Every structure is written in structure tokens, then in C-alpha cells.
């Protein structure tokens, strides 16, 4: 199942160093557009649901750079548990195993210029301060360069 995992830059760095994302069960989001829905739109919404959840991770880690990080991964269905039904084409799931580096498909990260707005959104998630910022897409092979530039 293709899932979107909320994360932070320090957690991404740890994943690259350790070869896997630990902490199971991990909160994630998946697209579930239903029979009449748009799969691409549902994936976009799932990615941004994970971005919203990353704000809580940033609030808990005051030393992390103020950039939302979303990791997209292809995980076996057997390690993904659904929580409730889909809302707006998005379903909350738990990943019950570590996420190996080789299962990552991409990462989606705020530009450094978004940091002041992301910081405000982490302090007040209902503010919508980060809503005008689109996440940038990074291929898996670019991730080491991304964290090295931090």
C-alpha cells in the first residue's frame, strides 16, 4: 500500500543513517478515492494530511528545522492497518513495522523559505500559516543531499 508518513528533517536524517524508519506503529495516511473518486487528487490530499500531522511532530521537537517532511513509501498491505473509513479520499492508517529505506518512493519537503510560516503553523496548527506553501518533491537518491544541505 502506498502511504504518506509525516516526518521531520532529524527523523529523515536518522532514517538515512540507520537504513529504516523506526517507531512502529507509525501514523500514516493513504489515498482511498472510492469508486467515483480521483485517485491522483486523493493522493494529494493524503500527502497534505501527513504534512498537517508533521506540524505536531515539529511542535514536539523544538530543535527540528521548521520544515514539514512527508515520506512516501510502498509498504506491504500486511503491515498497514486502517483506522476508520475514508474522509475526503483519505484514510488514516498505522504502519506496524519499521519502514526500510528501500521501501521509500519519494519525500516531500517545504522549501527553506517556508520556515517562518511553518513555525507559526507548528505553534498554532489551526492558523493555516503554512497553507500557501507547496511541498517540493525529492527522489530517494536526492535525500542525502537534502539533509546534507540542512
C-alpha atoms as a PDB file:
ATOM      1  CA  UNK A   1       0.000   0.000   0.000  1.00  0.00           C
ATOM      2  CA  UNK A   2       1.259   3.473  -0.882  1.00  0.00           C
ATOM      3  CA  UNK A   3       1.373   5.511   2.334  1.00  0.00           C
ATOM      4  CA  UNK A   4       2.378   9.029   3.313  1.00  0.00           C
ATOM      5  CA  UNK A   5       4.255   9.291   6.611  1.00  0.00           C
ATOM      6  CA  UNK A   6       4.616  12.573   8.499  1.00  0.00           C
ATOM      7  CA  UNK A   7       8.199  13.235   9.482  1.00  0.00           C
ATOM      8  CA  UNK A   8      10.843  15.843  10.297  1.00  0.00           C
ATOM      9  CA  UNK A   9      14.321  16.601   8.994  1.00  0.00           C
ATOM     10  CA  UNK A  10      16.034  14.943  12.027  1.00  0.00           C
ATOM     11  CA  UNK A  11      13.902  11.812  11.542  1.00  0.00           C
ATOM     12  CA  UNK A  12      14.800  11.775   7.831  1.00  0.00           C
ATOM     13  CA  UNK A  13      18.487  12.060   8.751  1.00  0.00           C
ATOM     14  CA  UNK A  14      18.118   9.146  11.195  1.00  0.00           C
ATOM     15  CA  UNK A  15      16.368   7.056   8.532  1.00  0.00           C
ATOM     16  CA  UNK A  16      19.251   7.625   6.129  1.00  0.00           C
ATOM     17  CA  UNK A  17      21.828   6.747   8.799  1.00  0.00           C
ATOM     18  CA  UNK A  18      20.016   3.649  10.087  1.00  0.00           C
ATOM     19  CA  UNK A  19      18.530   2.437   6.803  1.00  0.00           C
ATOM     20  CA  UNK A  20      14.999   2.379   8.190  1.00  0.00           C
ATOM     21  CA  UNK A  21      12.373   4.462   9.952  1.00  0.00           C
ATOM     22  CA  UNK A  22      11.706   3.012  13.406  1.00  0.00           C
ATOM     23  CA  UNK A  23       8.928   3.657  15.887  1.00  0.00           C
ATOM     24  CA  UNK A  24       6.175   1.273  14.819  1.00  0.00           C
ATOM     25  CA  UNK A  25       3.324   1.734  14.858  1.00  0.00           C
ATOM     26  CA  UNK A  26       3.784   4.820  12.710  1.00  0.00           C
ATOM     27  CA  UNK A  27       0.906   7.117  11.828  1.00  0.00           C
ATOM     28  CA  UNK A  28       0.423   7.481   8.094  1.00  0.00           C
ATOM     29  CA  UNK A  29      -2.202   8.378   5.523  1.00  0.00           C
ATOM     30  CA  UNK A  30      -3.318   6.615   2.378  1.00  0.00           C
ATOM     31  CA  UNK A  31      -5.470   7.557  -0.569  1.00  0.00           C
ATOM     32  CA  UNK A  32      -8.899   5.925  -0.779  1.00  0.00           C
ATOM     33  CA  UNK A  33     -10.806   7.755  -3.508  1.00  0.00           C
ATOM     34  CA  UNK A  34     -13.704   5.311  -3.608  1.00  0.00           C
ATOM     35  CA  UNK A  35     -15.300   4.078  -6.821  1.00  0.00           C
ATOM     36  CA  UNK A  36     -16.099   7.538  -8.212  1.00  0.00           C
ATOM     37  CA  UNK A  37     -13.146   9.482  -6.830  1.00  0.00           C
ATOM     38  CA  UNK A  38      -9.997  10.813  -8.431  1.00  0.00           C
ATOM     39  CA  UNK A  39      -7.001   8.726  -7.310  1.00  0.00           C
ATOM     40  CA  UNK A  40      -4.479  11.482  -8.011  1.00  0.00           C
ATOM     41  CA  UNK A  41      -6.479  14.047  -6.030  1.00  0.00           C
ATOM     42  CA  UNK A  42      -6.848  11.572  -3.154  1.00  0.00           C
ATOM     43  CA  UNK A  43      -3.062  11.033  -3.069  1.00  0.00           C
ATOM     44  CA  UNK A  44      -2.523  14.799  -2.978  1.00  0.00           C
ATOM     45  CA  UNK A  45      -4.958  15.095  -0.066  1.00  0.00           C
ATOM     46  CA  UNK A  46      -3.298  12.177   1.767  1.00  0.00           C
ATOM     47  CA  UNK A  47       0.112  13.826   1.341  1.00  0.00           C
ATOM     48  CA  UNK A  48      -1.177  17.070   2.825  1.00  0.00           C
ATOM     49  CA  UNK A  49      -2.899  15.224   5.673  1.00  0.00           C
ATOM     50  CA  UNK A  50       0.545  13.848   6.509  1.00  0.00           C
ATOM     51  CA  UNK A  51       2.005  17.361   6.196  1.00  0.00           C
ATOM     52  CA  UNK A  52      -0.541  18.599   8.743  1.00  0.00           C
ATOM     53  CA  UNK A  53       0.421  15.760  11.069  1.00  0.00           C
ATOM     54  CA  UNK A  54       4.096  16.684  10.670  1.00  0.00           C
ATOM     55  CA  UNK A  55       3.269  20.008  12.346  1.00  0.00           C
ATOM     56  CA  UNK A  56       2.575  18.092  15.584  1.00  0.00           C
ATOM     57  CA  UNK A  57       5.961  16.383  15.256  1.00  0.00           C
ATOM     58  CA  UNK A  58       7.595  19.793  14.803  1.00  0.00           C
ATOM     59  CA  UNK A  59       5.773  21.163  17.838  1.00  0.00           C
ATOM     60  CA  UNK A  60       7.177  18.269  19.896  1.00  0.00           C
ATOM     61  CA  UNK A  61      10.732  18.709  18.546  1.00  0.00           C
ATOM     62  CA  UNK A  62      11.567  22.373  19.027  1.00  0.00           C
ATOM     63  CA  UNK A  63      15.109  21.857  17.709  1.00  0.00           C
ATOM     64  CA  UNK A  64      13.998  20.498  14.332  1.00  0.00           C
ATOM     65  CA  UNK A  65      14.154  22.786  11.299  1.00  0.00           C
ATOM     66  CA  UNK A  66      10.705  24.247  10.720  1.00  0.00           C
ATOM     67  CA  UNK A  67      10.019  22.317   7.520  1.00  0.00           C
ATOM     68  CA  UNK A  68       7.224  19.808   7.029  1.00  0.00           C
ATOM     69  CA  UNK A  69       8.503  16.455   5.773  1.00  0.00           C
ATOM     70  CA  UNK A  70       6.334  13.735   4.249  1.00  0.00           C
ATOM     71  CA  UNK A  71       7.791  10.383   3.260  1.00  0.00           C
ATOM     72  CA  UNK A  72       6.001   8.331   0.607  1.00  0.00           C
ATOM     73  CA  UNK A  73       6.536   4.585   0.850  1.00  0.00           C
ATOM     74  CA  UNK A  74       5.250   1.399  -0.738  1.00  0.00           C
ATOM     75  CA  UNK A  75       4.535  -0.885   2.202  1.00  0.00           C
ATOM     76  CA  UNK A  76       3.136  -4.434   2.213  1.00  0.00           C
ATOM     77  CA  UNK A  77      -0.586  -4.471   2.967  1.00  0.00           C
ATOM     78  CA  UNK A  78       0.077  -6.875   5.852  1.00  0.00           C
ATOM     79  CA  UNK A  79       1.834  -4.126   7.874  1.00  0.00           C
ATOM     80  CA  UNK A  80      -0.727  -1.361   7.229  1.00  0.00           C
ATOM     81  CA  UNK A  81      -3.814  -1.083   9.458  1.00  0.00           C
ATOM     82  CA  UNK A  82      -6.734   1.187   8.528  1.00  0.00           C
ATOM     83  CA  UNK A  83      -8.388   3.382  11.150  1.00  0.00           C
ATOM     84  CA  UNK A  84     -11.980   4.109  10.245  1.00  0.00           C
ATOM     85  CA  UNK A  85     -13.336   4.976   6.848  1.00  0.00           C
ATOM     86  CA  UNK A  86     -12.017   7.430   4.306  1.00  0.00           C
ATOM     87  CA  UNK A  87     -12.844  11.102   4.603  1.00  0.00           C
ATOM     88  CA  UNK A  88     -12.313  13.219   1.522  1.00  0.00           C
ATOM     89  CA  UNK A  89     -10.477  10.368  -0.163  1.00  0.00           C
ATOM     90  CA  UNK A  90      -8.012   9.993   2.729  1.00  0.00           C
ATOM     91  CA  UNK A  91      -7.791   7.276   5.348  1.00  0.00           C
ATOM     92  CA  UNK A  92      -5.614   7.322   8.474  1.00  0.00           C
ATOM     93  CA  UNK A  93      -3.513   4.181   8.811  1.00  0.00           C
ATOM     94  CA  UNK A  94      -0.814   2.748  11.050  1.00  0.00           C
ATOM     95  CA  UNK A  95       2.329   1.113   9.732  1.00  0.00           C
ATOM     96  CA  UNK A  96       3.076  -1.681  12.187  1.00  0.00           C
ATOM     97  CA  UNK A  97       6.671  -2.347  11.112  1.00  0.00           C
ATOM     98  CA  UNK A  98       9.801  -0.318  10.520  1.00  0.00           C
ATOM     99  CA  UNK A  99       9.920   1.352   7.106  1.00  0.00           C
ATOM    100  CA  UNK A 100      13.073   0.232   5.257  1.00  0.00           C
ATOM    101  CA  UNK A 101      14.869   2.795   3.119  1.00  0.00           C
ATOM    102  CA  UNK A 102      14.305   0.581   0.073  1.00  0.00           C
ATOM    103  CA  UNK A 103      10.516   0.987   0.501  1.00  0.00           C
ATOM    104  CA  UNK A 104      10.686   4.786   0.134  1.00  0.00           C
ATOM    105  CA  UNK A 105       9.334   6.171  -3.117  1.00  0.00           C
ATOM    106  CA  UNK A 106       9.969   9.888  -2.518  1.00  0.00           C
ATOM    107  CA  UNK A 107       9.998  12.672   0.035  1.00  0.00           C
ATOM    108  CA  UNK A 108       8.045  15.922   0.032  1.00  0.00           C
ATOM    109  CA  UNK A 109       9.581  18.811   1.957  1.00  0.00           C
ATOM    110  CA  UNK A 110       8.979  22.509   2.466  1.00  0.00           C
ATOM    111  CA  UNK A 111      11.416  24.957   0.935  1.00  0.00           C
ATOM    112  CA  UNK A 112      13.613  26.707   3.500  1.00  0.00           C
ATOM    113  CA  UNK A 113      11.802  29.971   2.683  1.00  0.00           C
ATOM    114  CA  UNK A 114       8.642  28.478   4.224  1.00  0.00           C
ATOM    115  CA  UNK A 115      10.246  28.066   7.657  1.00  0.00           C
ATOM    116  CA  UNK A 116       8.711  31.171   9.304  1.00  0.00           C
ATOM    117  CA  UNK A 117       5.204  30.182   8.204  1.00  0.00           C
ATOM    118  CA  UNK A 118       5.730  26.530   9.130  1.00  0.00           C
ATOM    119  CA  UNK A 119       6.994  27.646  12.562  1.00  0.00           C
ATOM    120  CA  UNK A 120       3.803  29.668  13.039  1.00  0.00           C
ATOM    121  CA  UNK A 121       1.686  26.715  11.914  1.00  0.00           C
ATOM    122  CA  UNK A 122       3.516  24.360  14.301  1.00  0.00           C
ATOM    123  CA  UNK A 123       2.700  26.729  17.175  1.00  0.00           C
ATOM    124  CA  UNK A 124      -0.936  27.102  16.053  1.00  0.00           C
ATOM    125  CA  UNK A 125      -1.975  24.281  13.693  1.00  0.00           C
ATOM    126  CA  UNK A 126      -5.386  25.854  13.074  1.00  0.00           C
ATOM    127  CA  UNK A 127      -3.817  29.087  11.812  1.00  0.00           C
ATOM    128  CA  UNK A 128      -3.319  27.888   8.244  1.00  0.00           C
ATOM    129  CA  UNK A 129       0.000  29.752   8.220  1.00  0.00           C
ATOM    130  CA  UNK A 130       1.680  27.114   6.039  1.00  0.00           C
ATOM    131  CA  UNK A 131      -1.266  26.560   3.686  1.00  0.00           C
ATOM    132  CA  UNK A 132       0.176  28.683   0.874  1.00  0.00           C
ATOM    133  CA  UNK A 133       3.360  26.606   0.677  1.00  0.00           C
ATOM    134  CA  UNK A 134       3.565  23.625  -1.655  1.00  0.00           C
ATOM    135  CA  UNK A 135       5.827  20.760  -0.689  1.00  0.00           C
ATOM    136  CA  UNK A 136       8.760  20.107  -3.007  1.00  0.00           C
ATOM    137  CA  UNK A 137       9.256  16.584  -4.398  1.00  0.00           C
ATOM    138  CA  UNK A 138      12.552  14.778  -3.891  1.00  0.00           C
ATOM    139  CA  UNK A 139      13.605  11.462  -5.402  1.00  0.00           C
ATOM    140  CA  UNK A 140      15.019   8.941  -2.942  1.00  0.00           C
ATOM    141  CA  UNK A 141      18.528   9.339  -4.376  1.00  0.00           C
ATOM    142  CA  UNK A 142      18.390  13.082  -3.596  1.00  0.00           C
ATOM    143  CA  UNK A 143      17.626  12.680   0.109  1.00  0.00           C
ATOM    144  CA  UNK A 144      21.255  12.516   1.293  1.00  0.00           C
ATOM    145  CA  UNK A 145      21.949  15.818  -0.498  1.00  0.00           C
ATOM    146  CA  UNK A 146      18.809  17.331   1.031  1.00  0.00           C
ATOM    147  CA  UNK A 147      19.810  16.547   4.616  1.00  0.00           C
ATOM    148  CA  UNK A 148      23.455  17.494   3.987  1.00  0.00           C
ATOM    149  CA  UNK A 149      22.277  20.950   2.982  1.00  0.00           C
ATOM    150  CA  UNK A 150      20.493  21.472   6.294  1.00  0.00           C
END
